[in-house]
Amino acid sequence: MSIFRIVLLFSFAFLFPILGFSQDPTSKVFQGGFLFGINTSQISGDNLCGFYKLSPTLGSFVRMKLGEKSSIQMELDYLGKGAHKNIKPKDSISTIYNLRLHYIELPLVFQYNYNSNLNLEVGPSLGVLFGSREEDNYGDMSGIYSSREQFKPFDLSITVGGTWKINEKWSFNIRSANSMFPVRNHDQKTSYRLNKGQYTSCIMGRFFVNF
């Protein structure tokens, strides 16, 4: 069985019993629901600048209350990442570039209740890569015969964000996530000082729907 399937099965086995328990109106410890939104991303170290890659994100979450001011939240999400560049008339060389990375993400964040409407959060997120495609003017660059370095199966990120409570059922979250380690080596595994390879950077906006 692949690592991706093992992680996915473990996550479902852990999350779904708690999600069911969170629907119990007498429970004040656990709360769960679904989330959906848009992610903007870039790949640091690919000589392209800007969060131009738009991808969807959706999943489920479970929040466990620790005290009056704190809680822990775990999620099971799909998150699209990558990079994108269109042809621009001012470019000396006309170039199209499109990188799609598909991850199952497992964030675990500590939340601090700043006030009754705002939660601040920080924590790690483990991404498991289950698909990728890289294209330029000439087509697919990610085939089995490609000379480019392959993407690594995991992406460990640090996340920082905040959630604004709209009402008892809905809230809106903004989160940034940045790789702690390269998701792909540079070609020929070259590196220079702290530039060890390519890293993912994300800024996402998401709606949470509470049970």
Protein backbone atom coordinates (compact mmCIF):
# COMPACT_ATOMS: atom_id res chain seq x y z
CA MET A 1 0.00 0.00 0.00
CA SER A 2 1.36 3.45 -0.92
CA ILE A 3 2.31 6.06 1.69
CA PHE A 4 -0.45 8.33 0.33
CA ARG A 5 -3.14 5.71 0.97
CA ILE A 6 -1.82 4.95 4.45
CA VAL A 7 -1.89 8.63 5.44
CA LEU A 8 -5.34 9.10 3.94
CA LEU A 9 -6.82 6.07 5.70
CA PHE A 10 -5.29 7.07 9.02
CA SER A 11 -6.65 10.61 8.68
CA PHE A 12 -10.18 9.43 7.88
CA ALA A 13 -10.06 6.93 10.75
CA PHE A 14 -9.06 9.70 13.15
CA LEU A 15 -11.25 12.55 11.92
CA PHE A 16 -14.60 10.99 11.17
CA PRO A 17 -15.40 9.59 14.64
CA ILE A 18 -14.62 13.01 16.12
CA LEU A 19 -16.68 14.76 13.43
CA GLY A 20 -19.62 12.57 14.38
CA PHE A 21 -19.13 13.34 18.07
CA SER A 22 -18.86 17.08 17.34
CA GLN A 23 -22.47 17.04 16.10
CA ASP A 24 -23.69 16.09 19.58
CA PRO A 25 -25.36 19.28 20.89
CA THR A 26 -24.32 18.37 24.47
CA SER A 27 -20.63 18.35 23.54
CA LYS A 28 -18.75 21.55 24.45
CA VAL A 29 -15.26 20.21 23.85
CA PHE A 30 -15.32 19.29 20.15
CA GLN A 31 -16.63 21.25 17.17
CA GLY A 32 -16.36 20.24 13.51
CA GLY A 33 -17.45 21.12 10.04
CA PHE A 34 -16.40 21.68 6.44
CA LEU A 35 -14.28 24.29 4.70
CA PHE A 36 -13.83 25.57 1.15
CA GLY A 37 -12.01 28.43 -0.53
CA ILE A 38 -9.29 29.62 -2.89
CA ASN A 39 -5.52 29.29 -2.60
CA THR A 40 -2.99 31.58 -4.31
CA SER A 41 0.52 30.17 -4.51
CA GLN A 42 3.99 30.47 -5.92
CA ILE A 43 7.17 28.41 -5.96
CA SER A 44 10.13 30.18 -4.38
CA GLY A 45 13.37 29.48 -6.22
CA ASP A 46 11.90 29.03 -9.72
CA ASN A 47 12.84 32.58 -10.89
CA LEU A 48 9.14 33.51 -11.19
CA CYS A 49 7.62 36.06 -8.82
CA GLY A 50 4.04 36.49 -7.67
CA PHE A 51 1.11 34.54 -6.29
CA TYR A 52 -0.45 33.98 -9.72
CA LYS A 53 -1.48 30.33 -9.38
CA LEU A 54 -5.12 30.03 -8.28
CA SER A 55 -6.33 26.67 -6.99
CA PRO A 56 -9.29 25.42 -4.98
CA THR A 57 -9.09 24.09 -1.45
CA LEU A 58 -11.72 22.13 0.48
CA GLY A 59 -11.88 19.75 3.40
CA SER A 60 -13.09 19.12 6.92
CA PHE A 61 -11.93 20.21 10.36
CA VAL A 62 -12.22 19.30 14.03
CA ARG A 63 -11.60 21.83 16.79
CA MET A 64 -10.93 20.82 20.40
CA LYS A 65 -11.34 23.44 23.08
CA LEU A 66 -8.47 23.60 25.57
CA GLY A 67 -9.69 26.51 27.68
CA GLU A 68 -11.55 29.81 27.54
CA LYS A 69 -8.90 31.36 25.28
CA SER A 70 -7.33 28.45 23.39
CA SER A 71 -8.09 25.48 21.16
CA ILE A 72 -6.42 23.02 18.77
CA GLN A 73 -7.71 22.45 15.24
CA MET A 74 -6.92 19.53 12.92
CA GLU A 75 -7.92 19.46 9.26
CA LEU A 76 -8.02 17.04 6.35
CA ASP A 77 -7.86 19.16 3.18
CA TYR A 78 -7.27 19.05 -0.54
CA LEU A 79 -4.94 21.89 -1.49
CA GLY A 80 -3.77 22.83 -4.96
CA LYS A 81 -0.39 24.55 -5.22
CA GLY A 82 1.96 25.58 -8.02
CA ALA A 83 3.10 28.44 -10.20
CA HIS A 84 1.81 30.20 -13.31
CA LYS A 85 3.17 32.61 -15.91
CA ASN A 86 1.45 34.00 -19.00
CA ILE A 87 3.03 35.53 -22.08
CA LYS A 88 3.64 39.27 -21.63
CA PRO A 89 4.36 41.59 -24.59
CA LYS A 90 7.31 43.18 -22.76
CA ASP A 91 9.06 39.82 -22.29
CA SER A 92 12.05 39.33 -24.58
CA ILE A 93 11.14 35.63 -24.80
CA SER A 94 7.52 34.57 -25.01
CA THR A 95 7.03 32.01 -22.26
CA ILE A 96 4.08 30.13 -20.83
CA TYR A 97 4.61 28.16 -17.65
CA ASN A 98 2.04 26.26 -15.59
CA LEU A 99 2.81 24.02 -12.61
CA ARG A 100 0.02 22.10 -10.84
CA LEU A 101 0.69 20.29 -7.56
CA HIS A 102 -2.06 18.32 -5.81
CA TYR A 103 -1.74 17.72 -2.07
CA ILE A 104 -3.69 16.14 0.75
CA GLU A 105 -2.90 18.45 3.67
CA LEU A 106 -3.00 17.64 7.39
CA PRO A 107 -2.71 20.94 9.30
CA LEU A 108 -2.58 21.00 13.09
CA VAL A 109 -2.84 24.54 14.46
CA PHE A 110 -2.98 26.10 17.90
CA GLN A 111 -5.63 28.82 18.10
CA TYR A 112 -5.75 31.77 20.50
CA ASN A 113 -9.09 33.53 20.98
CA TYR A 114 -8.06 37.17 20.69
CA ASN A 115 -11.67 38.24 21.26
CA SER A 116 -15.18 36.85 20.74
CA ASN A 117 -14.91 37.26 16.94
CA LEU A 118 -11.23 36.71 16.11
CA ASN A 119 -8.98 33.65 16.49
CA LEU A 120 -5.25 33.76 15.73
CA GLU A 121 -3.51 30.52 14.72
CA VAL A 122 -0.10 28.97 14.12
CA GLY A 123 1.10 25.44 13.53
CA PRO A 124 2.58 22.86 11.15
CA SER A 125 0.96 21.26 8.11
CA LEU A 126 2.01 18.04 6.42
CA GLY A 127 1.25 17.82 2.69
CA VAL A 128 1.22 14.49 0.84
CA LEU A 129 1.72 14.90 -2.92
CA PHE A 130 -0.54 12.70 -5.05
CA GLY A 131 -0.28 14.36 -8.47
CA SER A 132 1.66 16.96 -10.45
CA ARG A 133 1.93 18.38 -13.95
CA GLU A 134 4.42 20.90 -15.33
CA GLU A 135 3.95 22.56 -18.73
CA ASP A 136 5.56 25.24 -20.87
CA ASN A 137 5.23 26.44 -24.48
CA TYR A 138 6.20 23.01 -25.76
CA GLY A 139 3.87 20.93 -23.60
CA ASP A 140 4.36 18.50 -20.74
CA MET A 141 7.66 18.80 -18.87
CA SER A 142 6.95 16.22 -16.18
CA GLY A 143 6.98 12.94 -18.07
CA ILE A 144 8.95 9.90 -16.97
CA TYR A 145 11.72 10.81 -19.43
CA SER A 146 12.05 14.38 -18.17
CA SER A 147 15.53 15.43 -17.05
CA ARG A 148 14.09 17.78 -14.41
CA GLU A 149 14.26 16.96 -10.73
CA GLN A 150 11.17 15.22 -9.34
CA PHE A 151 8.98 16.69 -6.60
CA LYS A 152 9.34 15.17 -3.15
CA PRO A 153 6.39 13.18 -1.75
CA PHE A 154 5.95 15.38 1.34
CA ASP A 155 5.77 19.12 2.03
CA LEU A 156 6.12 20.17 5.67
CA SER A 157 4.94 23.77 6.08
CA ILE A 158 4.53 26.30 8.86
CA THR A 159 1.17 28.08 8.83
CA VAL A 160 0.05 31.41 10.31
CA GLY A 161 -3.42 32.89 10.06
CA GLY A 162 -6.60 34.14 11.62
CA THR A 163 -10.32 33.35 11.58
CA TRP A 164 -13.14 35.92 11.78
CA LYS A 165 -16.47 34.71 13.12
CA ILE A 166 -19.37 35.83 10.90
CA ASN A 167 -22.12 34.11 12.87
CA GLU A 168 -22.64 30.88 14.81
CA LYS A 169 -22.43 28.76 11.63
CA TRP A 170 -20.05 30.64 9.33
CA SER A 171 -16.53 32.03 9.71
CA PHE A 172 -13.83 33.28 7.33
CA ASN A 173 -10.18 32.25 7.56
CA ILE A 174 -7.02 33.75 6.03
CA ARG A 175 -3.88 31.64 6.24
CA SER A 176 -0.35 31.71 4.87
CA ALA A 177 1.73 28.56 4.54
CA ASN A 178 5.42 28.27 3.66
CA SER A 179 7.55 25.17 3.15
CA MET A 180 10.16 24.50 5.80
CA PHE A 181 12.18 22.26 3.45
CA PRO A 182 12.53 22.18 -0.37
CA VAL A 183 9.75 20.39 -2.25
CA ARG A 184 12.12 19.92 -5.19
CA ASN A 185 15.86 20.23 -5.65
CA HIS A 186 17.29 22.57 -8.23
CA ASP A 187 18.43 20.90 -11.45
CA GLN A 188 21.66 18.96 -10.91
CA LYS A 189 20.94 19.43 -7.16
CA THR A 190 22.77 22.77 -7.13
CA SER A 191 22.42 25.06 -4.09
CA TYR A 192 23.71 28.41 -2.93
CA ARG A 193 23.87 29.25 0.78
CA LEU A 194 20.28 29.16 2.10
CA ASN A 195 18.83 28.55 -1.37
CA LYS A 196 18.64 24.75 -1.23
CA GLY A 197 15.87 24.24 -3.79
CA GLN A 198 12.25 25.15 -4.51
CA TYR A 199 9.71 25.91 -1.79
CA THR A 200 5.94 26.40 -1.84
CA SER A 201 4.36 29.62 -0.57
CA CYS A 202 0.58 29.97 -0.20
CA ILE A 203 -1.97 32.58 0.82
CA MET A 204 -5.51 31.22 1.10
CA GLY A 205 -8.95 32.53 1.94
CA ARG A 206 -11.50 29.96 3.18
CA PHE A 207 -14.99 29.75 4.61
CA PHE A 208 -15.62 27.43 7.55
CA VAL A 209 -19.11 25.95 7.98
CA ASN A 210 -19.69 24.68 11.53
CA PHE A 211 -22.00 21.76 12.29
